[in-house]
N, C-alpha and C. Protein backbone atom coordinates (compact mmCIF):
# COMPACT_ATOMS: atom_id res chain seq x y z
N MET A 1 104.19 52.28 73.43
CA MET A 1 104.15 53.36 72.45
C MET A 1 102.91 54.21 72.63
N ARG A 2 101.82 53.57 73.01
CA ARG A 2 100.57 54.29 73.18
C ARG A 2 100.70 55.36 74.27
N SER A 3 101.37 55.10 75.39
CA SER A 3 101.50 56.09 76.45
C SER A 3 102.41 57.23 76.02
N LEU A 4 103.38 56.96 75.15
CA LEU A 4 104.26 58.02 74.66
C LEU A 4 103.49 59.02 73.80
N THR A 5 102.56 58.55 72.98
CA THR A 5 101.79 59.47 72.14
C THR A 5 100.84 60.33 72.97
N ARG A 6 100.43 59.85 74.11
CA ARG A 6 99.60 60.65 74.99
C ARG A 6 100.44 61.59 75.84
N THR A 7 101.64 61.20 76.20
CA THR A 7 102.51 62.00 77.06
C THR A 7 103.07 63.20 76.31
N LEU A 8 103.47 63.02 75.06
CA LEU A 8 104.08 64.12 74.31
C LEU A 8 103.14 65.31 74.15
N PRO A 9 101.88 65.12 73.73
CA PRO A 9 100.99 66.30 73.64
C PRO A 9 100.78 66.97 75.00
N ALA A 10 100.67 66.19 76.06
CA ALA A 10 100.49 66.78 77.40
C ALA A 10 101.73 67.58 77.80
N ALA A 11 102.92 67.05 77.51
CA ALA A 11 104.16 67.76 77.83
C ALA A 11 104.27 69.03 77.00
N ALA A 12 103.89 68.96 75.73
CA ALA A 12 103.94 70.15 74.88
C ALA A 12 102.99 71.22 75.40
N LEU A 13 101.80 70.81 75.85
CA LEU A 13 100.83 71.75 76.41
C LEU A 13 101.38 72.39 77.69
N ALA A 14 102.00 71.60 78.54
CA ALA A 14 102.57 72.13 79.78
C ALA A 14 103.67 73.14 79.47
N LEU A 15 104.53 72.84 78.50
CA LEU A 15 105.57 73.79 78.12
C LEU A 15 104.99 75.07 77.55
N LEU A 16 103.95 74.93 76.76
CA LEU A 16 103.29 76.10 76.18
C LEU A 16 102.69 76.98 77.27
N LEU A 17 102.00 76.38 78.22
CA LEU A 17 101.38 77.15 79.30
C LEU A 17 102.44 77.80 80.18
N CYS A 18 103.49 77.10 80.50
CA CYS A 18 104.57 77.69 81.29
C CYS A 18 105.24 78.81 80.52
N GLY A 19 105.43 78.62 79.23
CA GLY A 19 106.06 79.63 78.40
C GLY A 19 105.24 80.90 78.32
N CYS A 20 103.90 80.78 78.32
CA CYS A 20 103.05 81.98 78.26
C CYS A 20 103.27 82.83 79.49
N GLY A 21 103.36 82.23 80.65
CA GLY A 21 103.59 83.00 81.86
C GLY A 21 104.97 83.63 81.85
N PHE A 22 105.95 82.92 81.32
CA PHE A 22 107.30 83.44 81.26
C PHE A 22 107.38 84.62 80.31
N LEU A 23 106.71 84.51 79.17
CA LEU A 23 106.77 85.59 78.19
C LEU A 23 105.96 86.80 78.61
N ASP A 24 105.09 86.66 79.59
CA ASP A 24 104.26 87.76 80.03
C ASP A 24 105.09 88.95 80.48
N GLY A 25 106.18 88.73 81.18
CA GLY A 25 107.07 89.80 81.60
C GLY A 25 108.01 90.19 80.49
N GLY A 26 108.28 89.26 79.63
CA GLY A 26 109.01 89.43 78.39
C GLY A 26 110.19 90.36 78.39
N ASP A 27 110.49 90.82 77.21
CA ASP A 27 111.68 91.63 76.99
C ASP A 27 111.31 93.10 76.82
N SER A 28 110.26 93.54 77.48
CA SER A 28 109.85 94.93 77.36
C SER A 28 110.85 95.82 78.09
N PRO A 29 110.98 97.06 77.64
CA PRO A 29 111.93 97.96 78.29
C PRO A 29 111.39 98.43 79.63
N GLY A 30 112.26 98.94 80.46
CA GLY A 30 111.85 99.51 81.73
C GLY A 30 111.44 98.45 82.74
N THR A 31 110.96 98.93 83.87
CA THR A 31 110.54 98.07 84.97
C THR A 31 109.16 98.51 85.44
N ARG A 32 108.26 97.56 85.57
CA ARG A 32 106.95 97.89 86.14
C ARG A 32 107.15 98.10 87.63
N THR A 33 106.72 99.24 88.13
CA THR A 33 106.89 99.56 89.55
C THR A 33 105.59 99.46 90.33
N GLY A 34 104.46 99.48 89.63
CA GLY A 34 103.18 99.37 90.31
C GLY A 34 102.10 98.87 89.39
N PHE A 35 101.12 98.19 89.99
CA PHE A 35 99.97 97.69 89.24
C PHE A 35 98.80 97.67 90.20
N VAL A 36 97.81 98.55 89.97
CA VAL A 36 96.70 98.71 90.89
C VAL A 36 95.39 98.45 90.16
N GLU A 37 94.57 97.54 90.71
CA GLU A 37 93.24 97.30 90.14
C GLU A 37 92.33 98.43 90.59
N LEU A 38 91.75 99.13 89.63
CA LEU A 38 90.88 100.27 89.92
C LEU A 38 89.40 99.92 89.85
N GLY A 39 89.08 98.73 89.31
CA GLY A 39 87.70 98.31 89.16
C GLY A 39 87.00 99.08 88.05
N PRO A 40 85.67 98.93 87.94
CA PRO A 40 84.92 99.71 86.95
C PRO A 40 84.95 101.19 87.36
N LEU A 41 85.02 102.07 86.41
CA LEU A 41 85.02 103.51 86.70
C LEU A 41 83.69 104.11 86.27
N GLN A 42 83.20 105.08 87.04
CA GLN A 42 81.96 105.77 86.71
C GLN A 42 82.28 106.99 85.86
N ALA A 43 81.82 106.99 84.63
CA ALA A 43 82.02 108.09 83.68
C ALA A 43 83.48 108.55 83.63
N PRO A 44 84.40 107.64 83.26
CA PRO A 44 85.81 108.03 83.22
C PRO A 44 86.07 109.09 82.15
N SER A 45 86.89 110.06 82.47
CA SER A 45 87.29 111.10 81.53
C SER A 45 88.55 110.66 80.81
N ARG A 46 88.41 110.28 79.55
CA ARG A 46 89.58 109.82 78.78
C ARG A 46 90.67 110.89 78.73
N GLU A 47 90.27 112.14 78.61
CA GLU A 47 91.25 113.23 78.54
C GLU A 47 92.08 113.31 79.81
N ASN A 48 91.43 113.21 80.96
CA ASN A 48 92.13 113.34 82.23
C ASN A 48 92.85 112.06 82.66
N LEU A 49 92.55 110.95 81.98
CA LEU A 49 93.22 109.69 82.29
C LEU A 49 94.30 109.33 81.27
N ARG A 50 94.67 110.28 80.43
CA ARG A 50 95.73 110.00 79.46
C ARG A 50 97.04 109.76 80.21
N PRO A 51 97.97 109.03 79.61
CA PRO A 51 99.23 108.71 80.28
C PRO A 51 99.99 109.98 80.69
N THR A 52 100.82 109.83 81.72
CA THR A 52 101.60 110.96 82.20
C THR A 52 102.95 110.49 82.73
N ARG A 53 103.85 111.44 82.82
CA ARG A 53 105.12 111.20 83.50
C ARG A 53 104.90 111.34 84.99
N LEU A 54 105.69 110.66 85.77
CA LEU A 54 105.68 110.81 87.21
C LEU A 54 106.75 111.81 87.60
N GLY A 55 106.56 112.48 88.72
CA GLY A 55 107.53 113.46 89.16
C GLY A 55 107.15 114.86 88.70
N PRO A 56 108.05 115.80 88.86
CA PRO A 56 107.73 117.20 88.59
C PRO A 56 107.39 117.51 87.12
N GLU A 57 107.88 116.70 86.18
CA GLU A 57 107.58 116.95 84.75
C GLU A 57 106.21 116.45 84.35
N GLY A 58 105.55 115.68 85.21
CA GLY A 58 104.30 115.04 84.84
C GLY A 58 103.07 115.75 85.37
N ASP A 59 101.95 115.10 85.17
CA ASP A 59 100.66 115.63 85.57
C ASP A 59 99.88 114.54 86.31
N ALA A 60 100.54 113.91 87.28
CA ALA A 60 99.91 112.82 88.02
C ALA A 60 98.75 113.33 88.88
N ASP A 61 98.78 114.59 89.31
CA ASP A 61 97.67 115.13 90.09
C ASP A 61 96.38 115.12 89.28
N ARG A 62 96.48 115.46 88.00
CA ARG A 62 95.33 115.43 87.10
C ARG A 62 94.76 114.02 87.02
N MET A 63 95.65 113.04 86.87
CA MET A 63 95.22 111.65 86.76
C MET A 63 94.55 111.19 88.05
N TYR A 64 95.14 111.52 89.19
CA TYR A 64 94.57 111.10 90.46
C TYR A 64 93.19 111.75 90.68
N ALA A 65 93.05 113.03 90.37
CA ALA A 65 91.76 113.71 90.52
C ALA A 65 90.70 113.05 89.65
N ALA A 66 91.07 112.63 88.45
CA ALA A 66 90.13 111.95 87.56
C ALA A 66 89.74 110.58 88.12
N LEU A 67 90.67 109.88 88.75
CA LEU A 67 90.35 108.59 89.37
C LEU A 67 89.40 108.78 90.55
N GLU A 68 89.64 109.82 91.33
CA GLU A 68 88.73 110.13 92.45
C GLU A 68 87.32 110.42 91.93
N ALA A 69 87.24 111.27 90.90
CA ALA A 69 85.94 111.65 90.33
C ALA A 69 85.21 110.44 89.75
N ALA A 70 85.96 109.48 89.22
CA ALA A 70 85.36 108.28 88.62
C ALA A 70 85.11 107.18 89.65
N LYS A 71 85.36 107.49 90.94
CA LYS A 71 85.13 106.56 92.04
C LYS A 71 85.89 105.24 91.87
N ALA A 72 87.17 105.36 91.57
CA ALA A 72 88.02 104.19 91.42
C ALA A 72 88.23 103.49 92.75
N ALA A 73 88.43 102.19 92.70
CA ALA A 73 88.78 101.41 93.89
C ALA A 73 90.27 101.59 94.17
N ASN A 74 90.68 101.28 95.36
CA ASN A 74 92.09 101.26 95.75
C ASN A 74 92.78 102.61 95.55
N LEU A 75 92.07 103.70 95.88
CA LEU A 75 92.65 105.03 95.71
C LEU A 75 93.92 105.26 96.54
N PRO A 76 94.02 104.75 97.78
CA PRO A 76 95.28 104.96 98.50
C PRO A 76 96.50 104.35 97.78
N GLN A 77 96.31 103.15 97.22
CA GLN A 77 97.40 102.53 96.45
C GLN A 77 97.71 103.35 95.20
N ALA A 78 96.67 103.81 94.51
CA ALA A 78 96.87 104.61 93.31
C ALA A 78 97.62 105.89 93.65
N HIS A 79 97.25 106.53 94.76
CA HIS A 79 97.92 107.76 95.18
C HIS A 79 99.40 107.50 95.45
N GLU A 80 99.68 106.40 96.13
CA GLU A 80 101.08 106.04 96.43
C GLU A 80 101.89 105.87 95.15
N GLU A 81 101.33 105.18 94.17
CA GLU A 81 102.04 104.96 92.91
C GLU A 81 102.22 106.27 92.13
N LEU A 82 101.20 107.12 92.15
CA LEU A 82 101.25 108.35 91.36
C LEU A 82 102.14 109.41 92.00
N THR A 83 102.41 109.30 93.29
CA THR A 83 103.29 110.28 93.94
C THR A 83 104.72 109.79 94.06
N ALA A 84 105.00 108.58 93.60
CA ALA A 84 106.37 108.06 93.62
C ALA A 84 107.25 108.88 92.68
N ARG A 85 108.46 109.10 93.08
CA ARG A 85 109.41 109.87 92.27
C ARG A 85 110.48 108.92 91.73
N PRO A 86 110.70 108.96 90.43
CA PRO A 86 111.74 108.09 89.86
C PRO A 86 113.13 108.51 90.33
N SER A 87 114.03 107.56 90.34
CA SER A 87 115.42 107.84 90.69
C SER A 87 116.06 108.72 89.62
N GLU A 88 117.15 109.35 89.98
CA GLU A 88 117.86 110.18 89.01
C GLU A 88 118.33 109.30 87.85
N GLY A 89 118.14 109.79 86.64
CA GLY A 89 118.50 109.05 85.45
C GLY A 89 117.38 108.17 84.92
N GLU A 90 116.25 108.16 85.62
CA GLU A 90 115.10 107.37 85.19
C GLU A 90 113.91 108.27 84.93
N THR A 91 113.02 107.80 84.09
CA THR A 91 111.75 108.48 83.81
C THR A 91 110.64 107.59 84.34
N GLY A 92 109.73 108.18 85.12
CA GLY A 92 108.58 107.45 85.63
C GLY A 92 107.38 107.71 84.74
N LEU A 93 106.60 106.68 84.49
CA LEU A 93 105.44 106.77 83.59
C LEU A 93 104.23 106.11 84.24
N ALA A 94 103.04 106.67 84.00
CA ALA A 94 101.80 106.10 84.55
C ALA A 94 100.76 105.99 83.45
N PHE A 95 100.03 104.88 83.45
CA PHE A 95 99.00 104.59 82.46
C PHE A 95 97.76 104.06 83.17
N VAL A 96 96.58 104.51 82.76
CA VAL A 96 95.32 103.91 83.18
C VAL A 96 94.81 103.16 81.96
N LEU A 97 94.61 101.84 82.13
CA LEU A 97 94.30 100.97 81.00
C LEU A 97 93.01 100.18 81.26
N PRO A 98 92.11 100.10 80.27
CA PRO A 98 90.92 99.28 80.42
C PRO A 98 91.23 97.83 80.11
N GLY A 99 90.61 96.94 80.88
CA GLY A 99 90.82 95.52 80.64
C GLY A 99 89.81 94.69 81.39
N CYS A 100 90.21 93.46 81.70
CA CYS A 100 89.31 92.55 82.41
C CYS A 100 90.13 91.45 83.08
N GLN A 101 90.20 91.48 84.38
CA GLN A 101 90.90 90.46 85.17
C GLN A 101 92.36 90.32 84.78
N ASN A 102 92.99 91.42 84.39
CA ASN A 102 94.40 91.36 84.02
C ASN A 102 95.27 91.24 85.26
N THR A 103 96.47 90.71 85.07
CA THR A 103 97.38 90.48 86.19
C THR A 103 98.68 91.26 86.07
N GLY A 104 98.87 91.97 84.99
CA GLY A 104 100.11 92.72 84.81
C GLY A 104 100.03 93.63 83.61
N ALA A 105 101.14 94.29 83.36
CA ALA A 105 101.24 95.20 82.21
C ALA A 105 102.69 95.25 81.76
N ARG A 106 102.87 95.63 80.52
CA ARG A 106 104.22 95.73 79.97
C ARG A 106 104.33 97.05 79.22
N LEU A 107 105.49 97.66 79.30
CA LEU A 107 105.79 98.92 78.63
C LEU A 107 106.27 98.64 77.22
N GLU A 108 105.88 99.49 76.28
CA GLU A 108 106.29 99.36 74.89
C GLU A 108 106.89 100.69 74.42
N VAL A 109 108.01 100.62 73.73
CA VAL A 109 108.60 101.79 73.08
C VAL A 109 108.86 101.40 71.64
N ASP A 110 108.13 102.05 70.73
CA ASP A 110 108.23 101.70 69.32
C ASP A 110 108.30 102.97 68.48
N ASP A 111 109.41 103.19 67.81
CA ASP A 111 109.60 104.37 66.96
C ASP A 111 109.30 105.67 67.69
N GLY A 112 109.75 105.79 68.92
CA GLY A 112 109.55 107.01 69.68
C GLY A 112 108.20 107.16 70.33
N VAL A 113 107.33 106.15 70.17
CA VAL A 113 106.00 106.18 70.78
C VAL A 113 105.99 105.22 71.98
N VAL A 114 105.60 105.75 73.13
CA VAL A 114 105.59 104.97 74.37
C VAL A 114 104.14 104.63 74.73
N SER A 115 103.90 103.36 75.02
CA SER A 115 102.56 102.90 75.40
C SER A 115 102.72 101.76 76.40
N ALA A 116 101.60 101.28 76.91
CA ALA A 116 101.59 100.13 77.81
C ALA A 116 100.44 99.22 77.40
N ASP A 117 100.65 97.94 77.59
CA ASP A 117 99.64 96.93 77.28
C ASP A 117 99.42 96.06 78.51
N LEU A 118 98.17 95.70 78.76
CA LEU A 118 97.85 94.79 79.85
C LEU A 118 98.20 93.36 79.46
N THR A 119 98.50 92.55 80.45
CA THR A 119 98.84 91.15 80.23
C THR A 119 98.07 90.28 81.21
N GLY A 120 98.04 88.99 80.91
CA GLY A 120 97.55 88.02 81.87
C GLY A 120 96.05 87.84 81.98
N ALA A 121 95.29 88.04 80.93
CA ALA A 121 93.84 87.80 81.02
C ALA A 121 93.35 87.01 79.82
N GLU A 122 94.08 85.99 79.46
CA GLU A 122 93.69 85.17 78.33
C GLU A 122 92.48 84.34 78.70
N ASN A 123 91.58 84.16 77.75
CA ASN A 123 90.39 83.32 77.90
C ASN A 123 89.50 83.74 79.07
N VAL A 124 89.29 85.05 79.21
CA VAL A 124 88.45 85.59 80.28
C VAL A 124 87.19 86.16 79.66
N ASN A 125 86.05 85.84 80.24
CA ASN A 125 84.79 86.39 79.81
C ASN A 125 84.44 87.54 80.75
N CYS A 126 84.31 88.74 80.19
CA CYS A 126 84.14 89.92 81.02
C CYS A 126 82.83 90.63 80.68
N GLY A 127 82.01 90.89 81.68
CA GLY A 127 80.75 91.57 81.45
C GLY A 127 80.89 93.08 81.50
N GLN A 128 81.89 93.58 82.22
CA GLN A 128 82.09 95.03 82.36
C GLN A 128 83.59 95.31 82.43
N ALA A 129 84.01 96.33 81.73
CA ALA A 129 85.43 96.68 81.73
C ALA A 129 85.89 97.09 83.12
N GLU A 130 87.09 96.69 83.46
CA GLU A 130 87.78 97.11 84.66
C GLU A 130 88.94 97.99 84.22
N TYR A 131 89.43 98.79 85.11
CA TYR A 131 90.57 99.65 84.79
C TYR A 131 91.72 99.33 85.73
N PHE A 132 92.92 99.58 85.24
CA PHE A 132 94.13 99.29 85.98
C PHE A 132 95.09 100.46 85.84
N LEU A 133 95.79 100.78 86.92
CA LEU A 133 96.87 101.76 86.89
C LEU A 133 98.17 100.99 86.84
N ALA A 134 98.97 101.25 85.83
CA ALA A 134 100.28 100.62 85.71
C ALA A 134 101.33 101.72 85.69
N THR A 135 102.34 101.59 86.55
CA THR A 135 103.44 102.56 86.58
C THR A 135 104.74 101.85 86.26
N PHE A 136 105.63 102.60 85.65
CA PHE A 136 106.91 102.06 85.19
C PHE A 136 108.02 103.07 85.43
N THR A 137 109.24 102.57 85.50
CA THR A 137 110.42 103.43 85.36
C THR A 137 111.23 102.88 84.20
N ILE A 138 111.88 103.78 83.51
CA ILE A 138 112.73 103.40 82.39
C ILE A 138 113.94 104.32 82.39
N GLU A 139 115.09 103.76 82.11
CA GLU A 139 116.31 104.56 82.03
C GLU A 139 116.14 105.60 80.94
N GLN A 140 116.55 106.83 81.22
CA GLN A 140 116.37 107.90 80.23
C GLN A 140 117.08 107.57 78.92
N GLY A 141 118.16 106.83 78.97
CA GLY A 141 118.88 106.44 77.75
C GLY A 141 118.12 105.47 76.88
N GLU A 142 117.09 104.81 77.44
CA GLU A 142 116.29 103.87 76.67
C GLU A 142 115.16 104.56 75.90
N LEU A 143 114.95 105.85 76.16
CA LEU A 143 113.90 106.61 75.47
C LEU A 143 114.53 107.51 74.42
N PRO A 144 113.95 107.58 73.22
CA PRO A 144 114.44 108.53 72.22
C PRO A 144 114.24 109.96 72.73
N GLU A 145 115.04 110.90 72.26
CA GLU A 145 114.94 112.28 72.72
C GLU A 145 113.56 112.88 72.49
N ASP A 146 112.93 112.57 71.38
CA ASP A 146 111.65 113.18 71.02
C ASP A 146 110.48 112.22 71.21
N TRP A 147 110.53 111.39 72.26
CA TRP A 147 109.48 110.40 72.48
C TRP A 147 108.17 111.10 72.83
N THR A 148 107.08 110.37 72.60
CA THR A 148 105.75 110.86 72.93
C THR A 148 104.90 109.67 73.37
N PHE A 149 103.82 109.97 74.09
CA PHE A 149 102.88 108.91 74.44
C PHE A 149 102.02 108.58 73.24
N GLU A 150 101.58 107.32 73.16
CA GLU A 150 100.67 106.91 72.10
C GLU A 150 99.38 107.74 72.17
N ASN A 151 98.88 108.14 71.02
CA ASN A 151 97.64 108.91 70.89
C ASN A 151 97.69 110.28 71.55
N SER A 152 98.89 110.85 71.73
CA SER A 152 98.93 112.21 72.28
C SER A 152 99.00 113.21 71.14
N ALA A 153 98.35 114.34 71.34
CA ALA A 153 98.28 115.34 70.28
C ALA A 153 99.42 116.32 70.38
C-alpha cells in the first residue's frame, strides 16, 4: 500500500506535465505558420511593431524595418515569415511579442478582437525581455467581418 500512495502522486504529476504541453497548442483558431526568436531589441518602436496582416492588405514592410532598426536577431527568418503570402481564403497575421524563453504562440479571437499570446515559458527567470515574431493563417470565415487587432486605434 505504501508504494501505491507514492506512485499515484507521481503519476498525477506526470499526467499534469504532459497535459500542459498538450494544451499549449490547444484549441486556438488558425494555424501558427512561423515563430522566430528575435532576442532583446534595442529601443523597439511599439508603434511600428504593432500587429499587421500579411500580404497586400498588410504593413509587414513597416514591421520588418522596425525590426532592422531595433537590431533584431534572425532577420532573414523574420523577413521570410513577413513576406509569406497566405493562401486564397485565408488571412495572414503577424505579431511581435515580448517574453522570455518562450517556445510558441497561440492566436486568440475574442468578440472581434484578434491577439496572440506566447506559450511555453513557465517557471522561467528572465533578466531581460526577449521578443518573438509569431505568424499565423486563419480561414477568413473564422474572423468576424469587423475584426480588429487588440489595442488598435
